[in-house]
N, C-alpha and C. Protein backbone atom coordinates (compact mmCIF):
# COMPACT_ATOMS: atom_id res chain seq x y z
N MET A 1 17.62 -23.53 8.79
CA MET A 1 17.43 -24.57 7.81
C MET A 1 16.48 -24.10 6.70
N PHE A 2 15.30 -23.61 7.11
CA PHE A 2 14.31 -23.15 6.13
C PHE A 2 14.22 -21.64 6.06
N GLY A 3 15.10 -20.93 6.75
CA GLY A 3 15.07 -19.47 6.73
C GLY A 3 13.99 -18.89 7.60
N LEU A 4 13.49 -19.66 8.57
CA LEU A 4 12.42 -19.17 9.44
C LEU A 4 12.99 -18.04 10.31
N GLY A 5 12.21 -17.01 10.46
CA GLY A 5 12.61 -15.89 11.28
C GLY A 5 13.41 -14.82 10.53
N LYS A 6 13.81 -15.08 9.33
CA LYS A 6 14.53 -14.12 8.53
C LYS A 6 13.54 -13.29 7.70
N LEU A 7 13.71 -11.99 7.75
CA LEU A 7 12.81 -11.14 6.98
C LEU A 7 13.11 -11.23 5.48
N ARG A 8 12.06 -11.41 4.72
CA ARG A 8 12.15 -11.42 3.26
C ARG A 8 10.99 -10.61 2.74
N PHE A 9 11.23 -9.91 1.67
CA PHE A 9 10.19 -9.08 1.08
C PHE A 9 9.99 -9.44 -0.38
N ARG A 10 8.74 -9.34 -0.81
CA ARG A 10 8.39 -9.55 -2.22
C ARG A 10 8.15 -8.18 -2.84
N GLY A 11 8.60 -8.04 -4.06
CA GLY A 11 8.41 -6.78 -4.76
C GLY A 11 7.20 -6.81 -5.68
N PRO A 12 6.80 -5.67 -6.21
CA PRO A 12 5.66 -5.63 -7.12
C PRO A 12 5.92 -6.36 -8.43
N ASP A 13 7.19 -6.57 -8.76
CA ASP A 13 7.56 -7.30 -9.97
C ASP A 13 7.93 -8.75 -9.67
N LYS A 14 7.50 -9.24 -8.52
CA LYS A 14 7.68 -10.64 -8.07
C LYS A 14 9.12 -10.97 -7.65
N THR A 15 9.99 -9.98 -7.59
CA THR A 15 11.35 -10.24 -7.09
C THR A 15 11.32 -10.35 -5.57
N ARG A 16 12.30 -11.00 -5.02
CA ARG A 16 12.40 -11.16 -3.57
C ARG A 16 13.74 -10.60 -3.12
N ILE A 17 13.70 -9.91 -1.98
CA ILE A 17 14.93 -9.39 -1.41
C ILE A 17 15.00 -9.76 0.06
N ASP A 18 16.22 -9.90 0.54
CA ASP A 18 16.42 -10.15 1.98
C ASP A 18 17.77 -9.56 2.42
N ASP A 19 18.18 -8.46 1.77
CA ASP A 19 19.47 -7.86 2.09
C ASP A 19 19.38 -7.04 3.39
N ALA A 20 20.52 -6.85 4.01
CA ALA A 20 20.59 -6.16 5.31
C ALA A 20 20.12 -4.72 5.22
N GLU A 21 20.37 -4.07 4.10
CA GLU A 21 20.00 -2.65 3.96
C GLU A 21 18.48 -2.47 4.06
N HIS A 22 17.70 -3.30 3.35
CA HIS A 22 16.25 -3.18 3.42
C HIS A 22 15.71 -3.67 4.75
N ILE A 23 16.29 -4.69 5.33
CA ILE A 23 15.83 -5.17 6.62
C ILE A 23 16.04 -4.10 7.70
N GLU A 24 17.19 -3.45 7.69
CA GLU A 24 17.46 -2.38 8.66
C GLU A 24 16.52 -1.19 8.42
N ASP A 25 16.26 -0.86 7.17
CA ASP A 25 15.33 0.22 6.84
C ASP A 25 13.94 -0.10 7.38
N TYR A 26 13.50 -1.33 7.20
CA TYR A 26 12.19 -1.77 7.67
C TYR A 26 12.11 -1.69 9.21
N LYS A 27 13.14 -2.19 9.88
CA LYS A 27 13.13 -2.24 11.34
C LYS A 27 13.22 -0.86 11.98
N SER A 28 13.92 0.08 11.32
CA SER A 28 14.14 1.39 11.91
C SER A 28 13.05 2.40 11.54
N SER A 29 12.06 2.00 10.79
CA SER A 29 11.02 2.92 10.31
C SER A 29 9.74 2.80 11.13
N SER A 30 8.93 3.83 11.07
CA SER A 30 7.67 3.83 11.81
C SER A 30 6.57 3.19 10.98
N SER A 31 5.64 2.55 11.67
CA SER A 31 4.53 1.88 11.03
C SER A 31 3.23 2.64 11.26
N ILE A 32 2.38 2.61 10.25
CA ILE A 32 1.04 3.15 10.35
C ILE A 32 0.12 2.03 9.93
N GLY A 33 -0.52 1.42 10.90
CA GLY A 33 -1.35 0.25 10.60
C GLY A 33 -0.46 -0.87 10.09
N ARG A 34 -0.73 -1.36 8.93
CA ARG A 34 0.05 -2.46 8.34
C ARG A 34 1.07 -1.99 7.32
N VAL A 35 1.25 -0.66 7.22
CA VAL A 35 2.21 -0.07 6.30
C VAL A 35 3.37 0.53 7.07
N THR A 36 4.59 0.31 6.57
CA THR A 36 5.79 0.90 7.16
C THR A 36 6.43 1.76 6.08
N LEU A 37 6.65 3.03 6.43
CA LEU A 37 7.24 3.97 5.49
C LEU A 37 8.73 4.10 5.81
N GLY A 38 9.54 3.39 5.04
CA GLY A 38 10.97 3.44 5.23
C GLY A 38 11.60 4.51 4.36
N LYS A 39 12.89 4.72 4.50
CA LYS A 39 13.60 5.69 3.68
C LYS A 39 13.78 5.17 2.25
N LEU A 40 13.91 3.85 2.10
CA LEU A 40 14.15 3.24 0.78
C LEU A 40 12.85 2.86 0.07
N CYS A 41 11.92 2.30 0.83
CA CYS A 41 10.70 1.72 0.24
C CYS A 41 9.51 1.86 1.18
N LEU A 42 8.34 1.64 0.63
CA LEU A 42 7.12 1.44 1.39
C LEU A 42 7.00 -0.06 1.58
N TYR A 43 6.78 -0.48 2.82
CA TYR A 43 6.63 -1.90 3.15
C TYR A 43 5.24 -2.13 3.67
N TYR A 44 4.65 -3.27 3.33
CA TYR A 44 3.34 -3.61 3.87
C TYR A 44 3.18 -5.12 4.01
N ARG A 45 2.24 -5.50 4.89
CA ARG A 45 1.92 -6.91 5.09
C ARG A 45 0.58 -7.20 4.44
N ASP A 46 0.52 -8.35 3.77
CA ASP A 46 -0.74 -8.75 3.14
C ASP A 46 -0.76 -10.27 3.07
N LEU A 47 -1.79 -10.86 3.67
CA LEU A 47 -1.97 -12.31 3.67
C LEU A 47 -0.74 -13.05 4.18
N GLY A 48 -0.14 -12.55 5.24
CA GLY A 48 0.97 -13.23 5.89
C GLY A 48 2.32 -13.03 5.21
N LYS A 49 2.36 -12.22 4.19
CA LYS A 49 3.62 -11.98 3.49
C LYS A 49 3.96 -10.50 3.59
N LYS A 50 5.25 -10.21 3.52
CA LYS A 50 5.72 -8.84 3.57
C LYS A 50 6.16 -8.41 2.17
N TYR A 51 5.74 -7.22 1.79
CA TYR A 51 6.04 -6.69 0.47
C TYR A 51 6.82 -5.38 0.60
N TYR A 52 7.61 -5.08 -0.42
CA TYR A 52 8.27 -3.78 -0.51
C TYR A 52 7.92 -3.15 -1.85
N VAL A 53 7.83 -1.84 -1.84
CA VAL A 53 7.55 -1.09 -3.06
C VAL A 53 8.48 0.12 -3.07
N PRO A 54 9.41 0.19 -4.02
CA PRO A 54 10.23 1.39 -4.13
C PRO A 54 9.34 2.60 -4.44
N TYR A 55 9.61 3.71 -3.83
CA TYR A 55 8.75 4.89 -4.01
C TYR A 55 8.62 5.34 -5.48
N PRO A 56 9.67 5.26 -6.32
CA PRO A 56 9.49 5.64 -7.72
C PRO A 56 8.52 4.74 -8.49
N TYR A 57 8.25 3.53 -7.99
CA TYR A 57 7.32 2.62 -8.65
C TYR A 57 5.87 3.07 -8.50
N ILE A 58 5.57 3.83 -7.44
CA ILE A 58 4.21 4.27 -7.17
C ILE A 58 3.90 5.51 -8.02
N ASP A 59 2.93 5.42 -8.90
CA ASP A 59 2.54 6.57 -9.72
C ASP A 59 1.44 7.37 -9.05
N ARG A 60 0.49 6.70 -8.45
CA ARG A 60 -0.66 7.37 -7.83
C ARG A 60 -1.10 6.58 -6.61
N ALA A 61 -1.66 7.31 -5.63
CA ALA A 61 -2.22 6.68 -4.43
C ALA A 61 -3.49 7.43 -4.04
N PHE A 62 -4.47 6.70 -3.58
CA PHE A 62 -5.71 7.34 -3.11
C PHE A 62 -6.45 6.44 -2.15
N CYS A 63 -7.46 6.99 -1.52
CA CYS A 63 -8.29 6.26 -0.55
C CYS A 63 -9.62 5.92 -1.20
N ARG A 64 -10.00 4.65 -1.10
CA ARG A 64 -11.32 4.22 -1.57
C ARG A 64 -12.09 3.77 -0.34
N ILE A 65 -13.31 4.23 -0.21
CA ILE A 65 -14.15 3.89 0.94
C ILE A 65 -15.15 2.83 0.53
N SER A 66 -15.18 1.73 1.29
CA SER A 66 -16.12 0.64 1.02
C SER A 66 -17.12 0.58 2.16
N GLU A 67 -18.40 0.55 1.82
CA GLU A 67 -19.45 0.51 2.81
C GLU A 67 -20.01 -0.91 2.90
N CYS A 68 -20.18 -1.39 4.12
CA CYS A 68 -20.80 -2.69 4.36
C CYS A 68 -22.08 -2.45 5.14
N GLN A 69 -23.17 -3.02 4.64
CA GLN A 69 -24.49 -2.83 5.26
C GLN A 69 -24.98 -4.15 5.79
N PRO A 70 -24.68 -4.49 7.03
CA PRO A 70 -25.21 -5.74 7.59
C PRO A 70 -26.71 -5.61 7.90
N ASP A 71 -27.38 -6.74 8.04
CA ASP A 71 -28.81 -6.73 8.36
C ASP A 71 -29.03 -6.18 9.75
N ASP A 72 -30.03 -5.29 9.90
CA ASP A 72 -30.46 -4.75 11.20
C ASP A 72 -29.32 -4.13 12.00
N SER A 73 -28.33 -3.60 11.37
CA SER A 73 -27.23 -2.92 12.06
C SER A 73 -26.83 -1.71 11.24
N PRO A 74 -26.19 -0.75 11.90
CA PRO A 74 -25.74 0.40 11.13
C PRO A 74 -24.60 0.01 10.18
N ALA A 75 -24.46 0.76 9.15
CA ALA A 75 -23.39 0.50 8.17
C ALA A 75 -22.04 0.78 8.80
N TYR A 76 -21.04 0.09 8.35
CA TYR A 76 -19.66 0.40 8.75
C TYR A 76 -18.81 0.46 7.49
N TYR A 77 -17.69 1.14 7.64
CA TYR A 77 -16.88 1.49 6.48
C TYR A 77 -15.46 0.91 6.60
N TYR A 78 -14.92 0.53 5.49
CA TYR A 78 -13.52 0.14 5.38
C TYR A 78 -12.85 1.20 4.51
N TYR A 79 -11.63 1.53 4.87
CA TYR A 79 -10.87 2.51 4.11
C TYR A 79 -9.71 1.78 3.45
N ARG A 80 -9.64 1.90 2.13
CA ARG A 80 -8.62 1.16 1.38
C ARG A 80 -7.60 2.12 0.81
N LEU A 81 -6.32 1.78 1.05
CA LEU A 81 -5.24 2.52 0.42
C LEU A 81 -4.95 1.82 -0.89
N ILE A 82 -5.15 2.54 -2.00
CA ILE A 82 -4.95 1.96 -3.32
C ILE A 82 -3.67 2.56 -3.90
N LEU A 83 -2.77 1.68 -4.35
CA LEU A 83 -1.51 2.12 -4.98
C LEU A 83 -1.55 1.69 -6.45
N LEU A 84 -1.19 2.60 -7.35
CA LEU A 84 -1.21 2.33 -8.77
C LEU A 84 0.16 2.53 -9.41
N HIS A 85 0.39 1.72 -10.41
CA HIS A 85 1.57 1.87 -11.27
C HIS A 85 1.09 1.70 -12.71
N GLY A 86 1.32 2.71 -13.53
CA GLY A 86 0.85 2.63 -14.91
C GLY A 86 -0.65 2.49 -15.02
N GLU A 87 -1.40 3.14 -14.15
CA GLU A 87 -2.86 3.09 -14.10
C GLU A 87 -3.40 1.70 -13.78
N LYS A 88 -2.58 0.83 -13.22
CA LYS A 88 -3.05 -0.48 -12.78
C LYS A 88 -2.84 -0.58 -11.27
N GLU A 89 -3.89 -1.02 -10.58
CA GLU A 89 -3.80 -1.19 -9.13
C GLU A 89 -2.92 -2.39 -8.81
N PHE A 90 -1.95 -2.19 -7.96
CA PHE A 90 -1.12 -3.33 -7.54
C PHE A 90 -1.19 -3.57 -6.04
N ALA A 91 -1.81 -2.67 -5.29
CA ALA A 91 -2.00 -2.87 -3.86
C ALA A 91 -3.33 -2.29 -3.45
N ASN A 92 -4.06 -3.04 -2.61
CA ASN A 92 -5.35 -2.62 -2.10
C ASN A 92 -5.35 -3.01 -0.63
N LEU A 93 -4.94 -2.07 0.23
CA LEU A 93 -4.73 -2.35 1.65
C LEU A 93 -5.88 -1.80 2.47
N ILE A 94 -6.50 -2.67 3.28
CA ILE A 94 -7.68 -2.31 4.05
C ILE A 94 -7.29 -1.79 5.44
N PHE A 95 -7.90 -0.68 5.82
CA PHE A 95 -7.73 -0.08 7.15
C PHE A 95 -9.09 0.14 7.77
N ASN A 96 -9.15 0.16 9.11
CA ASN A 96 -10.39 0.43 9.81
C ASN A 96 -10.56 1.90 10.11
N LYS A 97 -9.46 2.68 10.07
CA LYS A 97 -9.51 4.10 10.40
C LYS A 97 -9.08 4.93 9.20
N GLU A 98 -9.88 5.91 8.87
CA GLU A 98 -9.56 6.77 7.74
C GLU A 98 -8.32 7.62 8.03
N GLU A 99 -8.10 7.96 9.30
CA GLU A 99 -6.95 8.79 9.66
C GLU A 99 -5.64 8.11 9.28
N GLU A 100 -5.55 6.79 9.38
CA GLU A 100 -4.33 6.09 9.01
C GLU A 100 -4.03 6.24 7.52
N VAL A 101 -5.04 6.09 6.71
CA VAL A 101 -4.86 6.21 5.25
C VAL A 101 -4.52 7.66 4.91
N ASP A 102 -5.16 8.62 5.55
CA ASP A 102 -4.87 10.03 5.29
C ASP A 102 -3.43 10.38 5.66
N THR A 103 -2.94 9.83 6.77
CA THR A 103 -1.56 10.08 7.20
C THR A 103 -0.57 9.54 6.17
N ILE A 104 -0.83 8.34 5.69
CA ILE A 104 0.06 7.74 4.68
C ILE A 104 0.05 8.57 3.40
N LEU A 105 -1.15 9.00 2.97
CA LEU A 105 -1.25 9.82 1.75
C LEU A 105 -0.53 11.17 1.92
N GLU A 106 -0.52 11.73 3.10
CA GLU A 106 0.18 12.98 3.35
C GLU A 106 1.70 12.79 3.30
N LYS A 107 2.17 11.64 3.78
CA LYS A 107 3.61 11.41 3.88
C LYS A 107 4.24 10.89 2.59
N LEU A 108 3.50 10.25 1.73
CA LEU A 108 4.07 9.69 0.50
C LEU A 108 4.81 10.70 -0.36
N PRO A 109 4.26 11.91 -0.61
CA PRO A 109 5.01 12.87 -1.43
C PRO A 109 6.33 13.34 -0.81
N GLU A 110 6.50 13.19 0.50
CA GLU A 110 7.76 13.54 1.15
C GLU A 110 8.87 12.61 0.67
N PHE A 111 8.54 11.35 0.35
CA PHE A 111 9.52 10.39 -0.10
C PHE A 111 9.76 10.47 -1.60
N ASN A 112 8.70 10.78 -2.36
CA ASN A 112 8.82 10.96 -3.80
C ASN A 112 7.78 11.98 -4.24
N PRO A 113 8.22 13.21 -4.55
CA PRO A 113 7.25 14.26 -4.92
C PRO A 113 6.47 13.97 -6.20
N GLU A 114 6.90 13.01 -6.99
CA GLU A 114 6.21 12.70 -8.24
C GLU A 114 4.97 11.83 -8.04
N ILE A 115 4.76 11.30 -6.84
CA ILE A 115 3.56 10.49 -6.58
C ILE A 115 2.34 11.41 -6.57
N LYS A 116 1.37 11.08 -7.38
CA LYS A 116 0.12 11.85 -7.44
C LYS A 116 -0.83 11.29 -6.39
N ILE A 117 -1.49 12.17 -5.68
CA ILE A 117 -2.42 11.76 -4.63
C ILE A 117 -3.84 12.09 -5.08
N GLY A 118 -4.73 11.13 -4.94
CA GLY A 118 -6.14 11.36 -5.27
C GLY A 118 -6.59 10.50 -6.44
N TYR A 119 -7.87 10.25 -6.47
CA TYR A 119 -8.48 9.42 -7.52
C TYR A 119 -8.56 10.23 -8.80
N GLN A 120 -8.36 9.56 -9.91
CA GLN A 120 -8.54 10.16 -11.22
C GLN A 120 -9.39 9.22 -12.06
N ALA A 121 -10.50 9.71 -12.55
CA ALA A 121 -11.39 8.89 -13.37
C ALA A 121 -10.72 8.50 -14.67
N PRO A 122 -11.02 7.31 -15.19
CA PRO A 122 -10.45 6.90 -16.48
C PRO A 122 -10.85 7.87 -17.58
N THR A 123 -9.96 8.09 -18.53
CA THR A 123 -10.24 9.06 -19.60
C THR A 123 -11.34 8.59 -20.53
N ASP A 124 -11.52 7.28 -20.71
CA ASP A 124 -12.54 6.76 -21.59
C ASP A 124 -13.91 6.61 -20.91
N GLY A 125 -13.97 6.94 -19.63
CA GLY A 125 -15.23 6.84 -18.89
C GLY A 125 -15.56 5.46 -18.36
N LYS A 126 -14.77 4.46 -18.72
CA LYS A 126 -15.03 3.10 -18.28
C LYS A 126 -14.06 2.76 -17.15
N GLN A 127 -14.60 2.15 -16.11
CA GLN A 127 -13.76 1.73 -15.00
C GLN A 127 -12.99 0.46 -15.42
N LYS A 128 -11.68 0.49 -15.23
CA LYS A 128 -10.87 -0.66 -15.62
C LYS A 128 -11.02 -1.77 -14.59
N ALA A 129 -10.82 -2.98 -15.02
CA ALA A 129 -10.90 -4.12 -14.12
C ALA A 129 -9.81 -4.02 -13.07
N ARG A 130 -10.13 -4.36 -11.84
CA ARG A 130 -9.19 -4.30 -10.77
C ARG A 130 -8.43 -5.61 -10.63
N PHE A 131 -7.17 -5.51 -10.37
CA PHE A 131 -6.29 -6.67 -10.10
C PHE A 131 -6.36 -7.69 -11.24
N SER A 132 -6.31 -7.19 -12.45
CA SER A 132 -6.33 -8.11 -13.58
C SER A 132 -4.97 -8.19 -14.24
């Protein structure tokens, strides 16, 4: 009645898909944390929703490390997989293990060799606003 239980994915351009080809690709692919690397797309979960990103849409990917310093405790770190298109961040996925992010960054060029890996500072020296 309401489509409960049926897989649907949202795209970076706000389109939605639920075709059998993408669902089968998602189900038959391996997951690394909350990211699934399919043959057609990269899939991820964020805030209870599933997203798909065609590999040609990703221009650059890198790992950003965030440090949290609680009171009277040692610092702990979050590892963020950042995906960019046109120098704008469109995905910021948090992981607890750096190895998971490193594995994803190693495998991304296998799907699309044009994806650049690693952080690149802005040419004007100013950090652009995130998620704007």
